[in-house]
Amino acid sequence: MNTITTYFKGVWSELKKVTWPTRTEVINHTIIVIVSAAVAVAVTAGADYGLSRLIKFIIQNKS
């Protein structure tokens, strides 16, 4: 039981050393992540659309 108590005291001690981000930083980073994800989705969707059109074009002209 003593080792568990020591463990959680150490965890609490380390958590006190953490520099937590401000609300503004969290909001800004969240926006960056959402925009980055949207760009990645758009690029992937565009590549998928373009490649599928290319494959269809090749198949139609082959026969």
PDB file of N, CA and C in Angstrom:
ATOM      1  N   MET A   1       0.833  -1.196   0.000  1.00  0.00           N
ATOM      2  CA  MET A   1       0.000   0.000   0.000  1.00  0.00           C
ATOM      3  C   MET A   1       0.873   1.253   0.000  1.00  0.00           C
ATOM      4  N   ASN A   2       2.027   1.175   0.637  1.00  0.00           N
ATOM      5  CA  ASN A   2       2.908   2.323   0.724  1.00  0.00           C
ATOM      6  C   ASN A   2       3.464   2.692  -0.648  1.00  0.00           C
ATOM      7  N   THR A   3       3.741   1.704  -1.503  1.00  0.00           N
ATOM      8  CA  THR A   3       4.297   1.996  -2.828  1.00  0.00           C
ATOM      9  C   THR A   3       3.263   2.697  -3.712  1.00  0.00           C
ATOM     10  N   ILE A   4       1.996   2.345  -3.552  1.00  0.00           N
ATOM     11  CA  ILE A   4       0.945   3.003  -4.323  1.00  0.00           C
ATOM     12  C   ILE A   4       0.843   4.475  -3.923  1.00  0.00           C
ATOM     13  N   THR A   5       0.883   4.744  -2.644  1.00  0.00           N
ATOM     14  CA  THR A   5       0.829   6.113  -2.143  1.00  0.00           C
ATOM     15  C   THR A   5       2.029   6.911  -2.640  1.00  0.00           C
ATOM     16  N   THR A   6       3.196   6.303  -2.592  1.00  0.00           N
ATOM     17  CA  THR A   6       4.407   6.970  -3.070  1.00  0.00           C
ATOM     18  C   THR A   6       4.300   7.269  -4.561  1.00  0.00           C
ATOM     19  N   TYR A   7       3.767   6.329  -5.305  1.00  0.00           N
ATOM     20  CA  TYR A   7       3.600   6.513  -6.749  1.00  0.00           C
ATOM     21  C   TYR A   7       2.711   7.721  -7.044  1.00  0.00           C
ATOM     22  N   PHE A   8       1.550   7.781  -6.405  1.00  0.00           N
ATOM     23  CA  PHE A   8       0.630   8.884  -6.672  1.00  0.00           C
ATOM     24  C   PHE A   8       1.159  10.219  -6.156  1.00  0.00           C
ATOM     25  N   LYS A   9       1.926  10.215  -5.095  1.00  0.00           N
ATOM     26  CA  LYS A   9       2.566  11.450  -4.642  1.00  0.00           C
ATOM     27  C   LYS A   9       3.568  11.934  -5.679  1.00  0.00           C
ATOM     28  N   GLY A  10       4.303  10.998  -6.278  1.00  0.00           N
ATOM     29  CA  GLY A  10       5.245  11.359  -7.339  1.00  0.00           C
ATOM     30  C   GLY A  10       4.531  11.888  -8.565  1.00  0.00           C
ATOM     31  N   VAL A  11       3.419  11.251  -8.924  1.00  0.00           N
ATOM     32  CA  VAL A  11       2.634  11.711 -10.070  1.00  0.00           C
ATOM     33  C   VAL A  11       2.131  13.129  -9.818  1.00  0.00           C
ATOM     34  N   TRP A  12       1.600  13.373  -8.643  1.00  0.00           N
ATOM     35  CA  TRP A  12       1.081  14.703  -8.309  1.00  0.00           C
ATOM     36  C   TRP A  12       2.202  15.739  -8.328  1.00  0.00           C
ATOM     37  N   SER A  13       3.356  15.359  -7.846  1.00  0.00           N
ATOM     38  CA  SER A  13       4.509  16.259  -7.844  1.00  0.00           C
ATOM     39  C   SER A  13       4.906  16.626  -9.274  1.00  0.00           C
ATOM     40  N   GLU A  14       4.907  15.646 -10.174  1.00  0.00           N
ATOM     41  CA  GLU A  14       5.249  15.915 -11.575  1.00  0.00           C
ATOM     42  C   GLU A  14       4.184  16.772 -12.259  1.00  0.00           C
ATOM     43  N   LEU A  15       2.916  16.549 -11.931  1.00  0.00           N
ATOM     44  CA  LEU A  15       1.844  17.343 -12.532  1.00  0.00           C
ATOM     45  C   LEU A  15       1.941  18.811 -12.139  1.00  0.00           C
ATOM     46  N   LYS A  16       2.472  19.088 -10.972  1.00  0.00           N
ATOM     47  CA  LYS A  16       2.637  20.481 -10.544  1.00  0.00           C
ATOM     48  C   LYS A  16       3.698  21.197 -11.379  1.00  0.00           C
ATOM     49  N   LYS A  17       4.615  20.431 -11.994  1.00  0.00           N
ATOM     50  CA  LYS A  17       5.688  21.017 -12.795  1.00  0.00           C
ATOM     51  C   LYS A  17       5.245  21.317 -14.232  1.00  0.00           C
ATOM     52  N   VAL A  18       4.103  20.789 -14.624  1.00  0.00           N
ATOM     53  CA  VAL A  18       3.636  20.948 -16.000  1.00  0.00           C
ATOM     54  C   VAL A  18       3.225  22.395 -16.252  1.00  0.00           C
ATOM     55  N   THR A  19       3.626  22.913 -17.410  1.00  0.00           N
ATOM     56  CA  THR A  19       3.186  24.238 -17.833  1.00  0.00           C
ATOM     57  C   THR A  19       1.980  24.037 -18.729  1.00  0.00           C
ATOM     58  N   TRP A  20       0.807  24.337 -18.222  1.00  0.00           N
ATOM     59  CA  TRP A  20      -0.420  24.119 -18.968  1.00  0.00           C
ATOM     60  C   TRP A  20      -0.644  25.250 -19.952  1.00  0.00           C
ATOM     61  N   PRO A  21      -1.158  24.958 -21.139  1.00  0.00           N
ATOM     62  CA  PRO A  21      -1.404  26.021 -22.121  1.00  0.00           C
ATOM     63  C   PRO A  21      -2.570  26.909 -21.694  1.00  0.00           C
ATOM     64  N   THR A  22      -2.531  28.134 -22.194  1.00  0.00           N
ATOM     65  CA  THR A  22      -3.628  29.054 -21.896  1.00  0.00           C
ATOM     66  C   THR A  22      -4.828  28.690 -22.781  1.00  0.00           C
ATOM     67  N   ARG A  23      -5.957  29.270 -22.457  1.00  0.00           N
ATOM     68  CA  ARG A  23      -7.175  29.014 -23.237  1.00  0.00           C
ATOM     69  C   ARG A  23      -6.988  29.445 -24.690  1.00  0.00           C
ATOM     70  N   THR A  24      -6.340  30.581 -24.893  1.00  0.00           N
ATOM     71  CA  THR A  24      -6.097  31.084 -26.251  1.00  0.00           C
ATOM     72  C   THR A  24      -5.208  30.121 -27.036  1.00  0.00           C
ATOM     73  N   GLU A  25      -4.171  29.597 -26.410  1.00  0.00           N
ATOM     74  CA  GLU A  25      -3.287  28.640 -27.087  1.00  0.00           C
ATOM     75  C   GLU A  25      -4.046  27.376 -27.487  1.00  0.00           C
ATOM     76  N   VAL A  26      -4.882  26.890 -26.594  1.00  0.00           N
ATOM     77  CA  VAL A  26      -5.658  25.685 -26.891  1.00  0.00           C
ATOM     78  C   VAL A  26      -6.592  25.936 -28.073  1.00  0.00           C
ATOM     79  N   ILE A  27      -7.254  27.084 -28.074  1.00  0.00           N
ATOM     80  CA  ILE A  27      -8.171  27.416 -29.170  1.00  0.00           C
ATOM     81  C   ILE A  27      -7.404  27.531 -30.488  1.00  0.00           C
ATOM     82  N   ASN A  28      -6.272  28.233 -30.474  1.00  0.00           N
ATOM     83  CA  ASN A  28      -5.470  28.394 -31.690  1.00  0.00           C
ATOM     84  C   ASN A  28      -4.966  27.057 -32.218  1.00  0.00           C
ATOM     85  N   HIS A  29      -4.475  26.209 -31.350  1.00  0.00           N
ATOM     86  CA  HIS A  29      -3.974  24.905 -31.767  1.00  0.00           C
ATOM     87  C   HIS A  29      -5.109  24.022 -32.287  1.00  0.00           C
ATOM     88  N   THR A  30      -6.274  24.128 -31.682  1.00  0.00           N
ATOM     89  CA  THR A  30      -7.429  23.366 -32.146  1.00  0.00           C
ATOM     90  C   THR A  30      -7.825  23.795 -33.557  1.00  0.00           C
ATOM     91  N   ILE A  31      -7.824  25.099 -33.792  1.00  0.00           N
ATOM     92  CA  ILE A  31      -8.149  25.607 -35.127  1.00  0.00           C
ATOM     93  C   ILE A  31      -7.132  25.109 -36.152  1.00  0.00           C
ATOM     94  N   ILE A  32      -5.861  25.140 -35.787  1.00  0.00           N
ATOM     95  CA  ILE A  32      -4.811  24.660 -36.695  1.00  0.00           C
ATOM     96  C   ILE A  32      -5.022  23.189 -37.032  1.00  0.00           C
ATOM     97  N   VAL A  33      -5.361  22.386 -36.053  1.00  0.00           N
ATOM     98  CA  VAL A  33      -5.583  20.957 -36.288  1.00  0.00           C
ATOM     99  C   VAL A  33      -6.790  20.740 -37.193  1.00  0.00           C
ATOM    100  N   ILE A  34      -7.874  21.465 -36.951  1.00  0.00           N
ATOM    101  CA  ILE A  34      -9.082  21.301 -37.767  1.00  0.00           C
ATOM    102  C   ILE A  34      -8.825  21.720 -39.207  1.00  0.00           C
ATOM    103  N   VAL A  35      -8.141  22.864 -39.394  1.00  0.00           N
ATOM    104  CA  VAL A  35      -7.823  23.332 -40.752  1.00  0.00           C
ATOM    105  C   VAL A  35      -6.886  22.347 -41.444  1.00  0.00           C
ATOM    106  N   SER A  36      -5.876  21.863 -40.747  1.00  0.00           N
ATOM    107  CA  SER A  36      -4.944  20.891 -41.328  1.00  0.00           C
ATOM    108  C   SER A  36      -5.662  19.612 -41.731  1.00  0.00           C
ATOM    109  N   ALA A  37      -6.561  19.144 -40.902  1.00  0.00           N
ATOM    110  CA  ALA A  37      -7.327  17.936 -41.227  1.00  0.00           C
ATOM    111  C   ALA A  37      -8.214  18.174 -42.438  1.00  0.00           C
ATOM    112  N   ALA A  38      -8.838  19.339 -42.515  1.00  0.00           N
ATOM    113  CA  ALA A  38      -9.697  19.659 -43.663  1.00  0.00           C
ATOM    114  C   ALA A  38      -8.878  19.717 -44.952  1.00  0.00           C
ATOM    115  N   VAL A  39      -7.693  20.296 -44.895  1.00  0.00           N
ATOM    116  CA  VAL A  39      -6.824  20.346 -46.074  1.00  0.00           C
ATOM    117  C   VAL A  39      -6.412  18.934 -46.484  1.00  0.00           C
ATOM    118  N   ALA A  40      -6.051  18.103 -45.516  1.00  0.00           N
ATOM    119  CA  ALA A  40      -5.661  16.728 -45.820  1.00  0.00           C
ATOM    120  C   ALA A  40      -6.821  15.960 -46.454  1.00  0.00           C
ATOM    121  N   VAL A  41      -8.024  16.159 -45.956  1.00  0.00           N
ATOM    122  CA  VAL A  41      -9.209  15.505 -46.531  1.00  0.00           C
ATOM    123  C   VAL A  41      -9.440  15.996 -47.954  1.00  0.00           C
ATOM    124  N   ALA A  42      -9.317  17.304 -48.172  1.00  0.00           N
ATOM    125  CA  ALA A  42      -9.536  17.872 -49.507  1.00  0.00           C
ATOM    126  C   ALA A  42      -8.509  17.347 -50.506  1.00  0.00           C
ATOM    127  N   VAL A  43      -7.250  17.276 -50.104  1.00  0.00           N
ATOM    128  CA  VAL A  43      -6.204  16.761 -50.995  1.00  0.00           C
ATOM    129  C   VAL A  43      -6.455  15.293 -51.314  1.00  0.00           C
ATOM    130  N   THR A  44      -6.794  14.513 -50.303  1.00  0.00           N
ATOM    131  CA  THR A  44      -7.060  13.086 -50.519  1.00  0.00           C
ATOM    132  C   THR A  44      -8.277  12.887 -51.410  1.00  0.00           C
ATOM    133  N   ALA A  45      -9.337  13.637 -51.168  1.00  0.00           N
ATOM    134  CA  ALA A  45     -10.545  13.527 -51.988  1.00  0.00           C
ATOM    135  C   ALA A  45     -10.261  13.953 -53.423  1.00  0.00           C
ATOM    136  N   GLY A  46      -9.497  15.019 -53.597  1.00  0.00           N
ATOM    137  CA  GLY A  46      -9.144  15.479 -54.932  1.00  0.00           C
ATOM    138  C   GLY A  46      -8.320  14.455 -55.682  1.00  0.00           C
ATOM    139  N   ALA A  47      -7.352  13.859 -55.010  1.00  0.00           N
ATOM    140  CA  ALA A  47      -6.531  12.830 -55.635  1.00  0.00           C
ATOM    141  C   ALA A  47      -7.378  11.617 -55.989  1.00  0.00           C
ATOM    142  N   ASP A  48      -8.259  11.223 -55.116  1.00  0.00           N
ATOM    143  CA  ASP A  48      -9.144  10.082 -55.366  1.00  0.00           C
ATOM    144  C   ASP A  48     -10.037  10.346 -56.568  1.00  0.00           C
ATOM    145  N   TYR A  49     -10.623  11.528 -56.606  1.00  0.00           N
ATOM    146  CA  TYR A  49     -11.503  11.889 -57.718  1.00  0.00           C
ATOM    147  C   TYR A  49     -10.725  11.925 -59.038  1.00  0.00           C
ATOM    148  N   GLY A  50      -9.589  12.579 -59.022  1.00  0.00           N
ATOM    149  CA  GLY A  50      -8.786  12.699 -60.230  1.00  0.00           C
ATOM    150  C   GLY A  50      -8.301  11.353 -60.748  1.00  0.00           C
ATOM    151  N   LEU A  51      -7.820  10.521 -59.837  1.00  0.00           N
ATOM    152  CA  LEU A  51      -7.325   9.205 -60.255  1.00  0.00           C
ATOM    153  C   LEU A  51      -8.452   8.310 -60.744  1.00  0.00           C
ATOM    154  N   SER A  52      -9.617   8.381 -60.113  1.00  0.00           N
ATOM    155  CA  SER A  52     -10.732   7.552 -60.571  1.00  0.00           C
ATOM    156  C   SER A  52     -11.204   8.003 -61.949  1.00  0.00           C
ATOM    157  N   ARG A  53     -11.213   9.320 -62.206  1.00  0.00           N
ATOM    158  CA  ARG A  53     -11.569   9.819 -63.545  1.00  0.00           C
ATOM    159  C   ARG A  53     -10.539   9.363 -64.576  1.00  0.00           C
ATOM    160  N   LEU A  54      -9.274   9.384 -64.210  1.00  0.00           N
ATOM    161  CA  LEU A  54      -8.209   8.951 -65.106  1.00  0.00           C
ATOM    162  C   LEU A  54      -8.356   7.468 -65.451  1.00  0.00           C
ATOM    163  N   ILE A  55      -8.618   6.645 -64.456  1.00  0.00           N
ATOM    164  CA  ILE A  55      -8.802   5.213 -64.686  1.00  0.00           C
ATOM    165  C   ILE A  55     -10.008   4.970 -65.586  1.00  0.00           C
ATOM    166  N   LYS A  56     -11.112   5.645 -65.332  1.00  0.00           N
ATOM    167  CA  LYS A  56     -12.296   5.496 -66.182  1.00  0.00           C
ATOM    168  C   LYS A  56     -12.000   5.914 -67.606  1.00  0.00           C
ATOM    169  N   PHE A  57     -11.253   6.996 -67.786  1.00  0.00           N
ATOM    170  CA  PHE A  57     -10.885   7.476 -69.120  1.00  0.00           C
ATOM    171  C   PHE A  57     -10.041   6.428 -69.847  1.00  0.00           C
ATOM    172  N   ILE A  58      -9.067   5.870 -69.144  1.00  0.00           N
ATOM    173  CA  ILE A  58      -8.193   4.868 -69.737  1.00  0.00           C
ATOM    174  C   ILE A  58      -8.977   3.630 -70.124  1.00  0.00           C
ATOM    175  N   ILE A  59      -9.867   3.176 -69.249  1.00  0.00           N
ATOM    176  CA  ILE A  59     -10.654   1.969 -69.525  1.00  0.00           C
ATOM    177  C   ILE A  59     -11.593   2.192 -70.703  1.00  0.00           C
ATOM    178  N   GLN A  60     -12.234   3.342 -70.784  1.00  0.00           N
ATOM    179  CA  GLN A  60     -13.171   3.613 -71.876  1.00  0.00           C
ATOM    180  C   GLN A  60     -12.446   3.721 -73.220  1.00  0.00           C
ATOM    181  N   ASN A  61     -11.273   4.275 -73.253  1.00  0.00           N
ATOM    182  CA  ASN A  61     -10.546   4.444 -74.504  1.00  0.00           C
ATOM    183  C   ASN A  61      -9.795   3.177 -74.932  1.00  0.00           C
ATOM    184  N   LYS A  62      -9.640   2.253 -74.025  1.00  0.00           N
ATOM    185  CA  LYS A  62      -8.918   1.013 -74.330  1.00  0.00           C
ATOM    186  C   LYS A  62      -9.777   0.071 -75.157  1.00  0.00           C
ATOM    187  N   SER A  63     -11.072   0.079 -74.918  1.00  0.00           N
ATOM    188  CA  SER A  63     -11.932  -0.887 -75.604  1.00  0.00           C
ATOM    189  C   SER A  63     -12.579  -0.365 -76.824  1.00  0.00           C
TER     190      SER A  63
END
